[in-house]
Protein backbone atom coordinates (compact mmCIF):
# COMPACT_ATOMS: atom_id res chain seq x y z
CA MET A 1 -10.46 163.85 -128.88
CA VAL A 2 -9.38 160.67 -130.68
CA ALA A 3 -10.39 160.60 -134.35
CA LYS A 4 -12.66 157.80 -135.54
CA ILE A 5 -12.52 155.79 -138.73
CA ASN A 6 -15.78 157.30 -140.04
CA GLU A 7 -14.20 160.77 -139.74
CA VAL A 8 -11.21 159.60 -141.79
CA ALA A 9 -13.58 158.19 -144.42
CA ALA A 10 -15.55 161.43 -144.61
CA ALA A 11 -12.40 163.55 -144.90
CA ALA A 12 -11.03 161.33 -147.67
CA GLY A 13 -14.36 161.06 -149.47
CA VAL A 14 -14.44 157.26 -149.37
CA SER A 15 -16.34 154.56 -147.49
CA ILE A 16 -15.42 153.23 -144.05
CA GLY A 17 -14.74 149.84 -145.65
CA THR A 18 -12.22 151.39 -148.03
CA VAL A 19 -10.34 153.02 -145.14
CA SER A 20 -10.35 149.74 -143.22
CA LYS A 21 -8.94 147.78 -146.17
CA PHE A 22 -6.29 150.44 -146.72
CA ILE A 23 -5.19 150.40 -143.08
CA ASN A 24 -5.15 146.61 -142.87
CA LYS A 25 -3.38 146.33 -146.25
CA THR A 26 -5.93 143.80 -147.49
CA LYS A 27 -6.59 145.68 -150.75
CA ARG A 28 -4.83 148.23 -152.94
CA PHE A 29 -6.56 151.30 -154.39
CA SER A 30 -5.70 153.95 -156.95
CA PRO A 31 -2.80 156.26 -156.02
CA ASP A 32 -5.25 159.18 -155.64
CA VAL A 33 -7.50 157.29 -153.20
CA GLU A 34 -4.56 156.04 -151.14
CA ARG A 35 -3.09 159.53 -151.03
CA ARG A 36 -6.37 161.04 -149.77
CA ILE A 37 -6.75 158.39 -147.08
CA ALA A 38 -3.13 158.81 -145.93
CA GLU A 39 -3.53 162.58 -145.75
CA ALA A 40 -6.77 162.29 -143.78
CA ILE A 41 -5.13 159.90 -141.31
CA GLU A 42 -2.20 162.29 -140.90
CA GLN A 43 -4.35 165.41 -140.49
CA LEU A 44 -6.77 163.83 -138.02
CA GLY A 45 -4.10 161.94 -136.07
CA TYR A 46 -6.05 158.70 -136.46
CA GLU A 47 -4.66 155.54 -134.86
CA SER A 48 -6.16 152.16 -135.70
CA ASN A 49 -7.21 149.68 -133.04
CA PRO A 50 -4.64 146.83 -133.11
CA LEU A 51 -7.16 144.33 -131.71
CA ALA A 52 -9.69 145.17 -134.39
CA ARG A 53 -7.00 144.99 -137.05
CA SER A 54 -5.96 141.57 -135.78
CA MET A 55 -9.55 140.30 -135.95
CA ALA A 56 -9.96 141.64 -139.48
CA THR A 57 -6.72 140.30 -140.93
CA GLY A 58 -5.95 137.28 -138.74
CA GLN A 59 -2.53 138.84 -138.07
CA THR A 60 -1.22 140.38 -134.88
CA GLY A 61 1.53 142.57 -136.30
CA ALA A 62 3.86 141.06 -133.70
CA VAL A 63 6.72 138.57 -133.73
CA GLY A 64 7.99 136.63 -130.75
CA VAL A 65 11.68 136.29 -129.87
CA VAL A 66 12.79 133.69 -127.33
CA ILE A 67 16.35 134.02 -126.02
CA GLN A 68 18.40 132.18 -123.41
CA ASP A 69 19.50 135.04 -121.17
CA ILE A 70 18.47 138.67 -121.50
CA LEU A 71 21.45 139.77 -119.35
CA ASN A 72 23.90 138.37 -121.91
CA PRO A 73 24.87 141.08 -124.45
CA TYR A 74 25.08 138.44 -127.19
CA PHE A 75 21.31 137.94 -127.07
CA THR A 76 20.45 141.61 -126.68
CA ALA A 77 22.57 142.39 -129.75
CA MET A 78 20.63 139.79 -131.72
CA VAL A 79 17.32 141.28 -130.53
CA LYS A 80 18.52 144.71 -131.62
CA GLY A 81 19.00 143.38 -135.15
CA VAL A 82 15.56 141.75 -135.11
CA ASN A 83 13.90 144.92 -133.87
CA ARG A 84 15.57 147.11 -136.49
CA ILE A 85 14.02 145.15 -139.35
CA ALA A 86 10.72 144.69 -137.50
CA GLN A 87 10.26 148.44 -137.04
CA ARG A 88 10.94 149.10 -140.71
CA ASN A 89 8.12 146.71 -141.54
CA ASP A 90 5.60 147.93 -138.94
CA PHE A 91 5.98 144.92 -136.61
CA VAL A 92 6.45 144.93 -132.86
CA VAL A 93 8.71 142.46 -131.06
CA LEU A 94 7.66 140.49 -127.98
CA ILE A 95 10.60 139.03 -126.03
CA VAL A 96 10.66 136.01 -123.73
CA ASP A 97 13.73 135.33 -121.58
CA ALA A 98 14.03 131.55 -121.11
CA ASP A 99 16.67 132.17 -118.41
CA GLU A 100 18.56 129.08 -119.67
CA ASN A 101 15.69 126.91 -118.41
CA ARG A 102 15.29 124.17 -121.00
CA LYS A 103 12.20 122.70 -119.30
CA GLY A 104 10.36 126.00 -119.49
CA GLU A 105 11.03 126.63 -123.17
CA ARG A 106 8.17 124.60 -124.67
CA PRO A 107 5.42 126.06 -122.43
CA ALA A 108 6.74 129.57 -123.08
CA LEU A 109 6.82 128.99 -126.84
CA THR A 110 3.31 127.56 -126.85
CA LYS A 111 1.86 130.58 -125.02
CA LEU A 112 3.82 133.09 -127.07
CA SER A 113 2.84 131.50 -130.38
CA ARG A 114 -0.83 132.37 -129.73
CA ARG A 115 0.00 136.08 -129.60
CA VAL A 116 2.33 136.51 -132.58
CA ASP A 117 2.52 135.89 -136.31
CA GLY A 118 5.90 134.13 -136.19
CA LEU A 119 8.80 133.22 -133.89
CA ILE A 120 12.56 133.67 -133.75
CA LEU A 121 14.41 131.34 -131.39
CA ASN A 122 17.89 131.45 -129.93
CA THR A 123 17.62 129.04 -127.04
CA SER A 124 19.28 125.99 -125.53
CA MET A 125 16.71 123.66 -127.14
CA PRO A 126 18.60 120.84 -128.90
CA ASP A 127 18.47 120.96 -132.69
CA ASP A 128 16.63 117.63 -132.88
CA ASP A 129 13.90 118.97 -130.56
CA LEU A 130 13.34 122.03 -132.75
CA ARG A 131 11.20 119.93 -135.09
CA TRP A 132 8.48 120.14 -132.43
CA THR A 133 8.05 123.84 -133.23
CA ALA A 134 6.30 122.88 -136.49
CA SER A 135 3.30 121.90 -134.35
CA LEU A 136 2.85 125.54 -133.30
CA GLY A 137 1.41 126.41 -136.71
CA LYS A 138 3.57 129.53 -137.09
CA PRO A 139 6.74 130.22 -139.10
CA VAL A 140 9.83 129.71 -136.92
CA VAL A 141 13.42 130.81 -137.51
CA ALA A 142 16.05 129.14 -135.32
CA VAL A 143 19.21 131.22 -134.83
CA GLY A 144 22.43 129.37 -134.04
CA SER A 145 21.10 126.08 -135.39
CA ALA A 146 22.63 123.85 -138.04
CA PRO A 147 20.53 123.02 -141.14
CA ARG A 148 17.51 120.82 -140.41
CA ASP A 149 14.90 119.57 -142.87
CA GLY A 150 11.65 121.51 -142.57
CA LEU A 151 13.16 124.32 -140.48
CA LEU A 152 14.36 127.85 -141.20
CA THR A 153 17.79 128.13 -139.59
CA LEU A 154 20.89 130.30 -139.59
CA HIS A 155 24.25 130.12 -137.87
CA SER A 156 27.98 130.66 -138.25
CA ASP A 157 30.07 127.49 -138.37
CA PRO A 158 31.13 126.80 -134.75
CA VAL A 159 33.69 124.17 -135.76
CA ARG A 160 35.40 126.61 -138.11
CA ALA A 161 35.31 129.25 -135.37
CA GLY A 162 37.12 126.92 -132.97
CA GLU A 163 39.65 126.08 -135.67
CA MET A 164 40.44 129.75 -136.21
CA LEU A 165 41.23 130.33 -132.55
CA GLY A 166 43.32 127.16 -132.38
CA GLN A 167 45.32 128.16 -135.47
CA HIS A 168 45.88 131.67 -134.16
CA LEU A 169 47.19 130.42 -130.81
CA LEU A 170 49.54 127.97 -132.51
CA MET A 171 50.93 130.77 -134.67
CA GLU A 172 51.61 132.71 -131.47
CA LYS A 173 53.63 129.68 -130.25
CA TYR A 174 51.46 128.70 -127.28
CA GLN A 175 51.88 125.08 -126.20
CA ARG A 176 49.54 124.18 -123.32
CA PHE A 177 45.85 124.64 -123.98
CA ALA A 178 42.60 124.66 -122.01
CA TYR A 179 38.97 125.13 -123.04
CA ILE A 180 36.32 126.53 -120.69
CA SER A 181 33.13 124.69 -121.61
CA LEU A 182 29.45 125.44 -121.03
CA PRO A 183 28.01 121.90 -121.19
CA ASN A 184 24.81 121.46 -123.23
CA ALA A 185 25.04 124.99 -124.64
CA ARG A 186 24.46 125.44 -128.34
CA GLY A 187 27.74 125.20 -130.25
CA ASP A 188 29.87 124.29 -127.23
CA ASP A 189 30.89 120.83 -128.42
CA GLU A 190 31.54 122.09 -131.93
CA ARG A 191 33.70 125.04 -130.83
CA ARG A 192 35.80 122.76 -128.66
CA ALA A 193 36.03 120.13 -131.43
CA GLY A 194 37.29 122.71 -133.93
CA ALA A 195 40.09 123.85 -131.64
CA GLU A 196 40.85 120.27 -130.62
CA GLN A 197 41.24 119.12 -134.22
CA VAL A 198 43.76 121.85 -135.02
CA LEU A 199 45.79 121.20 -131.87
CA ALA A 200 45.72 117.42 -132.39
CA ARG A 201 47.36 117.86 -135.79
CA ALA A 202 50.18 119.63 -133.96
CA GLY A 203 50.35 116.82 -131.39
CA LEU A 204 48.98 119.00 -128.57
CA PRO A 205 46.12 118.14 -126.20
CA LEU A 206 43.24 120.36 -125.10
CA ARG A 207 42.16 120.12 -121.45
CA THR A 208 38.54 120.95 -120.66
CA PHE A 209 37.11 122.76 -117.64
CA SER A 210 33.40 123.53 -117.19
CA VAL A 211 31.23 126.35 -115.86
CA PRO A 212 27.48 126.18 -115.06
CA ARG A 213 26.57 129.51 -116.72
CA ALA A 214 28.01 131.81 -119.36
CA THR A 215 28.61 134.80 -117.08
CA VAL A 216 31.49 137.03 -116.04
CA ALA A 217 31.15 135.71 -112.48
CA ASP A 218 31.55 132.12 -113.68
CA GLY A 219 34.67 133.11 -115.58
CA GLU A 220 36.09 134.59 -112.39
CA ARG A 221 35.28 131.49 -110.36
CA VAL A 222 36.88 129.01 -112.77
CA CYS A 223 40.12 130.96 -113.20
CA ALA A 224 41.86 129.78 -110.03
CA SER A 225 41.11 126.09 -110.63
CA VAL A 226 42.55 126.39 -114.14
CA MET A 227 45.61 128.49 -113.41
CA LEU A 228 46.56 126.97 -110.04
CA SER A 229 46.40 123.40 -111.36
CA ALA A 230 49.51 121.20 -111.50
CA GLU A 231 50.12 122.02 -115.18
CA PRO A 232 48.52 125.39 -115.89
CA PRO A 233 47.85 126.23 -119.54
CA ASP A 234 49.50 129.08 -121.35
CA ALA A 235 46.43 129.58 -123.57
CA VAL A 236 42.73 129.45 -122.61
CA ILE A 237 39.81 129.37 -125.04
CA CYS A 238 36.51 130.33 -123.37
CA TYR A 239 33.03 129.35 -124.60
CA ASN A 240 32.11 133.03 -124.86
CA ASP A 241 33.39 136.54 -124.19
CA MET A 242 31.52 136.87 -120.90
CA ILE A 243 33.44 133.95 -119.40
CA ALA A 244 36.67 135.24 -120.91
CA ALA A 245 36.17 138.71 -119.40
CA GLY A 246 35.66 137.21 -115.94
CA PHE A 247 38.72 135.00 -116.38
CA ILE A 248 40.87 138.03 -117.27
CA LYS A 249 39.58 139.98 -114.29
CA GLU A 250 40.39 137.21 -111.81
CA ALA A 251 43.76 136.46 -113.42
CA GLU A 252 44.77 140.06 -112.82
CA ARG A 253 43.74 139.77 -109.17
CA LEU A 254 45.88 136.62 -108.84
CA GLY A 255 48.91 138.41 -110.29
CA ILE A 256 48.79 136.47 -113.57
CA SER A 257 49.86 138.50 -116.59
CA ILE A 258 47.89 138.29 -119.84
CA PRO A 259 49.13 137.40 -122.39
CA HIS A 260 52.65 136.98 -120.93
CA ASP A 261 51.64 134.13 -118.58
CA VAL A 262 48.47 132.98 -120.34
CA ALA A 263 46.53 133.97 -123.44
CA VAL A 264 42.74 134.28 -123.15
CA CYS A 265 40.18 134.40 -125.97
CA GLY A 266 36.47 133.88 -126.51
CA PHE A 267 33.58 133.88 -128.96
CA ASP A 268 30.93 136.46 -130.01
CA ASN A 269 33.08 139.63 -130.25
CA LEU A 270 30.96 141.55 -127.75
CA GLU A 271 31.62 145.25 -127.09
CA LEU A 272 32.74 144.08 -123.65
CA GLY A 273 35.90 142.68 -125.26
CA LYS A 274 37.03 146.17 -126.22
CA LEU A 275 36.82 147.26 -122.59
CA THR A 276 38.78 144.48 -120.88
CA SER A 277 42.43 145.06 -120.04
CA PRO A 278 44.06 143.72 -122.10
CA THR A 279 41.48 143.85 -124.88
CA LEU A 280 40.03 140.47 -125.81
CA THR A 281 40.71 138.35 -128.90
CA SER A 282 37.43 136.83 -130.07
CA ILE A 283 35.46 135.31 -132.93
CA ASP A 284 32.94 137.68 -134.47
CA THR A 285 29.76 135.67 -135.08
CA GLU A 286 27.86 138.60 -136.67
CA THR A 287 25.37 138.62 -133.83
CA GLU A 288 23.42 141.76 -134.71
CA ARG A 289 23.33 140.84 -138.38
CA ALA A 290 22.01 137.41 -137.39
CA GLY A 291 19.00 139.16 -135.87
CA GLU A 292 18.45 141.19 -139.05
CA VAL A 293 18.70 138.11 -141.27
CA ALA A 294 16.38 136.12 -138.98
CA MET A 295 13.69 138.83 -139.09
CA THR A 296 14.02 139.23 -142.87
CA THR A 297 13.68 135.46 -143.30
CA LEU A 298 10.60 135.43 -141.06
CA LEU A 299 9.00 138.29 -143.01
CA ASP A 300 9.53 136.39 -146.26
CA ALA A 301 7.87 133.31 -144.76
CA LEU A 302 4.92 135.40 -143.52
CA ALA A 303 4.53 136.91 -146.99
CA GLY A 304 4.20 133.45 -148.50
CA LYS A 305 7.62 133.50 -150.12
CA SER A 306 10.11 130.62 -149.98
CA PRO A 307 13.18 131.91 -148.15
CA ASP A 308 16.41 129.93 -148.14
CA PRO A 309 15.97 127.23 -145.48
CA HIS A 310 19.45 127.90 -144.06
CA THR A 311 21.70 130.94 -143.99
CA MET A 312 25.38 130.56 -143.14
CA LEU A 313 26.93 133.63 -141.52
CA GLU A 314 30.67 134.18 -141.72
CA ALA A 315 32.74 133.80 -138.55
CA ARG A 316 35.73 136.15 -138.38
CA LEU A 317 38.79 136.18 -136.12
CA VAL A 318 39.32 139.50 -134.32
CA VAL A 319 42.82 139.60 -132.84
CA ARG A 320 43.41 141.89 -129.87
CA GLU A 321 45.92 142.19 -127.03
CA SER A 322 44.91 139.17 -124.93
CA THR A 323 46.61 136.63 -127.21
CA VAL A 324 49.41 138.51 -128.97
CA ARG A 325 52.78 137.68 -127.49
CA PRO A 326 55.83 139.94 -127.74
CA ARG A 327 58.10 138.92 -130.63
CA ASP A 328 60.84 137.59 -128.33
CA ALA A 329 58.35 135.27 -126.60
CA ARG A 330 57.30 133.77 -129.95
CA ARG A 331 60.90 132.76 -130.73
CA ARG A 332 61.32 130.65 -127.59
């Protein structure tokens, strides 16, 4: 039989109201009283009614996370970081997959905001449109977004990330470059611009090819059009690791050797990059930590604190086999 709150009160020798305030964390009591209540809850196996708690406190004990694509390991890694901090603080996480549908993001956010205490977003919504989220009346943390007045944001510098890949490829003596773009995706223009700036200083152009989605399959499909073109590149920078992994897979099928014929690299440093053959050079954007920082920032906002409006995460180059040429090839 499920224990009731009056049984907990009787066992602890306090009133029902005292137990309720203790459970809902709306009032502190003496250490002895709190100890007795906690022991009674443990002994009786009492579980509070979340709906009743929500009505009493005005809080749901839940946070909403909206991501672009639940099949992309980048987003699931971020959610893992969010959930780790949420569990430590007795919150549950509700997830909405926007499925890269920009039109559906606002309706989904509006509905979700009614069921949670705060929101964490990592979507394709343009930074300028994020200001609309203030109308939801809940704290919002936007992951992957540049600083914006009135918003809580965090990201790693995408321009610097692109620069790091460009510099690395130049040091490896590559000369013909291509970028696989995901138009309208967050950070796409900046990643390309960073690489382009570095290459331009060396007098080298960067050709751009596009894919409709950031998937392994799209990386496979674009490979032939890039590598069988009139002037194929000897180095390819992909918008993310998923595209890069597909590109490597198809290149192998076409008899193209990586990195001997073409170097391939990406962004996000997913676990997938350790499993490709050759292993994938990538930019580590601290994805899981981004989720932890986002949830910590949201908790501070919910507690009435004033968290830093923007957190900059450090991007880091992770060099693996897919871009490292043999020494004799570098001397050519």
